[in-house]
Amino acid sequence: MGECITFPKIIEGNDSPLIPEGVYEMGYLYHKTWMFRGRQPKVVMYFSIIEPGDYFGAALPAYYCVEKHIGKRGKAGRFKASKKTNLYRDFCRVFPDRPAPRPDRIPLSNLSSVVVQGTVVTVSRGYDQRDIPEAAQYSRVRSIER
């Protein structure tokens, strides 16, 4: 018989790891709503890499702009996304055979039942367009597909 391999555990709240750019198989973990700089409503979805390899179990965020938040902000918060946003378009790419959801009722929990292809990029510039030092760079999910 083969040896058992222990995989790293996903630690919630840990800073985003720096992994090589590319396309990885991922699973949806959860999402949060928050305000960027007190003005721009955002949704951040967390995905875990599920393909075997050195980065199995790494949790990466995907940041999306939305029109507004509905109710309290936080984990599993509600929101309204325009049909022109990347979040709405990515959701429709993952579920092309389903009817398009209402912009204020996008069921992100449906993502937990599918494996998605996530495009991972390295963040090397901050919001102010200044270069981020190599030691402080991190990875995030740019887009998802089925």
C-alpha atoms as a PDB file:
ATOM      1  CA  MET A   1       0.000   0.000   0.000  1.00  0.00           C
ATOM      2  CA  GLY A   2       1.044   3.591  -0.562  1.00  0.00           C
ATOM      3  CA  GLU A   3       1.864   6.124   2.073  1.00  0.00           C
ATOM      4  CA  CYS A   4      -0.713   8.591   3.323  1.00  0.00           C
ATOM      5  CA  ILE A   5       0.028  12.203   2.538  1.00  0.00           C
ATOM      6  CA  THR A   6      -1.065  14.954   4.891  1.00  0.00           C
ATOM      7  CA  PHE A   7      -2.227  18.062   3.104  1.00  0.00           C
ATOM      8  CA  PRO A   8      -1.952  21.552   4.584  1.00  0.00           C
ATOM      9  CA  LYS A   9      -5.021  22.853   6.378  1.00  0.00           C
ATOM     10  CA  ILE A  10      -6.734  26.014   5.254  1.00  0.00           C
ATOM     11  CA  ILE A  11      -6.272  28.671   7.894  1.00  0.00           C
ATOM     12  CA  GLU A  12      -8.933  31.351   7.723  1.00  0.00           C
ATOM     13  CA  GLY A  13      -7.659  34.900   8.089  1.00  0.00           C
ATOM     14  CA  ASN A  14      -4.145  34.014   6.976  1.00  0.00           C
ATOM     15  CA  ASP A  15      -2.549  36.437   4.513  1.00  0.00           C
ATOM     16  CA  SER A  16      -2.755  35.430   0.888  1.00  0.00           C
ATOM     17  CA  PRO A  17       0.129  33.214  -0.153  1.00  0.00           C
ATOM     18  CA  LEU A  18       2.356  33.957  -3.119  1.00  0.00           C
ATOM     19  CA  ILE A  19       2.048  31.178  -5.686  1.00  0.00           C
ATOM     20  CA  PRO A  20       3.028  31.065  -9.383  1.00  0.00           C
ATOM     21  CA  GLU A  21       0.589  32.619 -11.838  1.00  0.00           C
ATOM     22  CA  GLY A  22      -1.529  30.220 -13.863  1.00  0.00           C
ATOM     23  CA  VAL A  23      -4.841  28.390 -13.998  1.00  0.00           C
ATOM     24  CA  TYR A  24      -5.738  26.100 -11.079  1.00  0.00           C
ATOM     25  CA  GLU A  25      -8.725  23.921 -10.191  1.00  0.00           C
ATOM     26  CA  MET A  26     -10.485  25.523  -7.245  1.00  0.00           C
ATOM     27  CA  GLY A  27     -13.395  25.097  -4.907  1.00  0.00           C
ATOM     28  CA  TYR A  28     -15.512  27.887  -3.418  1.00  0.00           C
ATOM     29  CA  LEU A  29     -15.157  28.404   0.341  1.00  0.00           C
ATOM     30  CA  TYR A  30     -17.237  31.490   1.272  1.00  0.00           C
ATOM     31  CA  HIS A  31     -17.667  35.191   0.524  1.00  0.00           C
ATOM     32  CA  LYS A  32     -17.666  38.458   2.479  1.00  0.00           C
ATOM     33  CA  THR A  33     -18.986  41.921   1.742  1.00  0.00           C
ATOM     34  CA  TRP A  34     -16.984  44.997   2.731  1.00  0.00           C
ATOM     35  CA  MET A  35     -16.387  48.650   1.847  1.00  0.00           C
ATOM     36  CA  PHE A  36     -13.102  49.521   0.163  1.00  0.00           C
ATOM     37  CA  ARG A  37     -11.747  52.771   1.618  1.00  0.00           C
ATOM     38  CA  GLY A  38     -15.208  53.550   2.992  1.00  0.00           C
ATOM     39  CA  ARG A  39     -16.669  54.256  -0.461  1.00  0.00           C
ATOM     40  CA  GLN A  40     -16.677  51.319  -2.871  1.00  0.00           C
ATOM     41  CA  PRO A  41     -18.841  48.283  -2.000  1.00  0.00           C
ATOM     42  CA  LYS A  42     -16.966  45.047  -2.687  1.00  0.00           C
ATOM     43  CA  VAL A  43     -17.457  41.305  -2.474  1.00  0.00           C
ATOM     44  CA  VAL A  44     -14.456  39.098  -1.778  1.00  0.00           C
ATOM     45  CA  MET A  45     -14.860  35.388  -2.525  1.00  0.00           C
ATOM     46  CA  TYR A  46     -12.387  32.853  -1.173  1.00  0.00           C
ATOM     47  CA  PHE A  47     -11.363  29.822  -3.203  1.00  0.00           C
ATOM     48  CA  SER A  48      -9.178  26.870  -2.254  1.00  0.00           C
ATOM     49  CA  ILE A  49      -6.868  25.132  -4.708  1.00  0.00           C
ATOM     50  CA  ILE A  50      -8.017  21.512  -4.933  1.00  0.00           C
ATOM     51  CA  GLU A  51      -5.659  20.085  -7.545  1.00  0.00           C
ATOM     52  CA  PRO A  52      -2.821  17.941  -6.173  1.00  0.00           C
ATOM     53  CA  GLY A  53       0.530  19.627  -5.908  1.00  0.00           C
ATOM     54  CA  ASP A  54       2.601  21.991  -3.800  1.00  0.00           C
ATOM     55  CA  TYR A  55      -0.229  24.526  -3.486  1.00  0.00           C
ATOM     56  CA  PHE A  56      -3.072  22.171  -2.563  1.00  0.00           C
ATOM     57  CA  GLY A  57      -5.302  23.809   0.032  1.00  0.00           C
ATOM     58  CA  ALA A  58      -4.022  27.349  -0.478  1.00  0.00           C
ATOM     59  CA  ALA A  59      -6.891  29.801   0.021  1.00  0.00           C
ATOM     60  CA  LEU A  60      -6.932  32.764  -2.367  1.00  0.00           C
ATOM     61  CA  PRO A  61      -9.296  35.751  -2.572  1.00  0.00           C
ATOM     62  CA  ALA A  62     -11.127  37.088  -5.633  1.00  0.00           C
ATOM     63  CA  TYR A  63     -12.192  40.745  -5.341  1.00  0.00           C
ATOM     64  CA  TYR A  64     -15.288  42.080  -7.118  1.00  0.00           C
ATOM     65  CA  CYS A  65     -16.963  45.492  -7.267  1.00  0.00           C
ATOM     66  CA  VAL A  66     -20.733  45.583  -6.754  1.00  0.00           C
ATOM     67  CA  GLU A  67     -23.398  48.288  -6.893  1.00  0.00           C
ATOM     68  CA  LYS A  68     -24.433  48.161  -3.250  1.00  0.00           C
ATOM     69  CA  HIS A  69     -24.690  46.007  -0.149  1.00  0.00           C
ATOM     70  CA  ILE A  70     -28.040  44.817   1.146  1.00  0.00           C
ATOM     71  CA  GLY A  71     -28.257  44.624   4.917  1.00  0.00           C
ATOM     72  CA  LYS A  72     -25.253  44.074   7.159  1.00  0.00           C
ATOM     73  CA  ARG A  73     -21.778  43.666   5.717  1.00  0.00           C
ATOM     74  CA  GLY A  74     -19.696  40.654   6.621  1.00  0.00           C
ATOM     75  CA  LYS A  75     -19.468  36.933   5.958  1.00  0.00           C
ATOM     76  CA  ALA A  76     -22.213  35.718   3.589  1.00  0.00           C
ATOM     77  CA  GLY A  77     -23.475  39.317   3.211  1.00  0.00           C
ATOM     78  CA  ARG A  78     -26.037  40.180   0.556  1.00  0.00           C
ATOM     79  CA  PHE A  79     -25.367  42.542  -2.336  1.00  0.00           C
ATOM     80  CA  LYS A  80     -26.586  43.808  -5.704  1.00  0.00           C
ATOM     81  CA  ALA A  81     -24.279  43.435  -8.701  1.00  0.00           C
ATOM     82  CA  SER A  82     -24.879  45.085 -12.052  1.00  0.00           C
ATOM     83  CA  LYS A  83     -25.032  42.848 -15.130  1.00  0.00           C
ATOM     84  CA  LYS A  84     -21.886  44.613 -16.341  1.00  0.00           C
ATOM     85  CA  THR A  85     -19.753  43.594 -13.343  1.00  0.00           C
ATOM     86  CA  ASN A  86     -17.114  40.886 -13.427  1.00  0.00           C
ATOM     87  CA  LEU A  87     -18.846  39.003 -10.605  1.00  0.00           C
ATOM     88  CA  TYR A  88     -22.088  38.678 -12.592  1.00  0.00           C
ATOM     89  CA  ARG A  89     -20.218  37.693 -15.757  1.00  0.00           C
ATOM     90  CA  ASP A  90     -18.011  35.139 -13.977  1.00  0.00           C
ATOM     91  CA  PHE A  91     -21.086  33.569 -12.352  1.00  0.00           C
ATOM     92  CA  CYS A  92     -22.780  33.276 -15.762  1.00  0.00           C
ATOM     93  CA  ARG A  93     -19.594  31.718 -17.224  1.00  0.00           C
ATOM     94  CA  VAL A  94     -19.614  29.034 -14.532  1.00  0.00           C
ATOM     95  CA  PHE A  95     -23.338  28.275 -15.066  1.00  0.00           C
ATOM     96  CA  PRO A  96     -23.982  28.918 -18.786  1.00  0.00           C
ATOM     97  CA  ASP A  97     -26.944  26.509 -18.995  1.00  0.00           C
ATOM     98  CA  ARG A  98     -28.933  28.156 -16.190  1.00  0.00           C
ATOM     99  CA  PRO A  99     -31.061  31.267 -16.625  1.00  0.00           C
ATOM    100  CA  ALA A 100     -29.290  34.479 -15.614  1.00  0.00           C
ATOM    101  CA  PRO A 101     -30.003  35.331 -11.973  1.00  0.00           C
ATOM    102  CA  ARG A 102     -31.435  38.594 -10.729  1.00  0.00           C
ATOM    103  CA  PRO A 103     -28.606  41.049  -9.955  1.00  0.00           C
ATOM    104  CA  ASP A 104     -29.677  41.262  -6.292  1.00  0.00           C
ATOM    105  CA  ARG A 105     -30.039  37.492  -5.834  1.00  0.00           C
ATOM    106  CA  ILE A 106     -26.889  35.888  -7.198  1.00  0.00           C
ATOM    107  CA  PRO A 107     -26.692  32.499  -5.417  1.00  0.00           C
ATOM    108  CA  LEU A 108     -22.957  32.263  -4.702  1.00  0.00           C
ATOM    109  CA  SER A 109     -23.594  29.179  -2.575  1.00  0.00           C
ATOM    110  CA  ASN A 110     -24.167  27.274  -5.852  1.00  0.00           C
ATOM    111  CA  LEU A 111     -20.432  27.619  -6.507  1.00  0.00           C
ATOM    112  CA  SER A 112     -19.704  25.169  -3.680  1.00  0.00           C
ATOM    113  CA  SER A 113     -21.105  22.299  -5.765  1.00  0.00           C
ATOM    114  CA  VAL A 114     -18.773  22.762  -8.769  1.00  0.00           C
ATOM    115  CA  VAL A 115     -15.060  22.786  -9.504  1.00  0.00           C
ATOM    116  CA  VAL A 116     -13.968  26.007 -11.202  1.00  0.00           C
ATOM    117  CA  GLN A 117     -10.876  26.974 -13.156  1.00  0.00           C
ATOM    118  CA  GLY A 118      -9.392  30.020 -11.442  1.00  0.00           C
ATOM    119  CA  THR A 119      -6.859  32.297 -13.103  1.00  0.00           C
ATOM    120  CA  VAL A 120      -4.313  33.300 -10.456  1.00  0.00           C
ATOM    121  CA  VAL A 121      -2.277  36.508 -10.787  1.00  0.00           C
ATOM    122  CA  THR A 122       0.376  38.143  -8.611  1.00  0.00           C
ATOM    123  CA  VAL A 123      -0.410  41.564  -7.165  1.00  0.00           C
ATOM    124  CA  SER A 124       2.720  43.655  -7.682  1.00  0.00           C
ATOM    125  CA  ARG A 125       1.200  47.167  -7.563  1.00  0.00           C
ATOM    126  CA  GLY A 126      -0.955  48.717  -4.885  1.00  0.00           C
ATOM    127  CA  TYR A 127      -4.163  50.727  -5.275  1.00  0.00           C
ATOM    128  CA  ASP A 128      -2.015  53.871  -5.612  1.00  0.00           C
ATOM    129  CA  GLN A 129      -0.030  52.282  -8.511  1.00  0.00           C
ATOM    130  CA  ARG A 130       3.178  52.132  -6.477  1.00  0.00           C
ATOM    131  CA  ASP A 131       5.270  48.980  -6.779  1.00  0.00           C
ATOM    132  CA  ILE A 132       4.876  46.483  -3.944  1.00  0.00           C
ATOM    133  CA  PRO A 133       8.175  45.054  -2.644  1.00  0.00           C
ATOM    134  CA  GLU A 134       8.725  41.392  -3.548  1.00  0.00           C
ATOM    135  CA  ALA A 135       8.438  40.259   0.064  1.00  0.00           C
ATOM    136  CA  ALA A 136       4.953  41.855   0.340  1.00  0.00           C
ATOM    137  CA  GLN A 137       3.492  40.611  -2.966  1.00  0.00           C
ATOM    138  CA  TYR A 138       0.624  38.138  -2.898  1.00  0.00           C
ATOM    139  CA  SER A 139      -1.604  36.145  -5.236  1.00  0.00           C
ATOM    140  CA  ARG A 140      -5.302  36.531  -5.958  1.00  0.00           C
ATOM    141  CA  VAL A 141      -7.891  35.024  -8.277  1.00  0.00           C
ATOM    142  CA  ARG A 142      -8.555  37.269 -11.292  1.00  0.00           C
ATOM    143  CA  SER A 143     -11.426  35.315 -12.860  1.00  0.00           C
ATOM    144  CA  ILE A 144     -13.215  31.974 -12.716  1.00  0.00           C
ATOM    145  CA  GLU A 145     -14.655  29.649 -15.361  1.00  0.00           C
ATOM    146  CA  ARG A 146     -16.065  26.153 -15.358  1.00  0.00           C
END
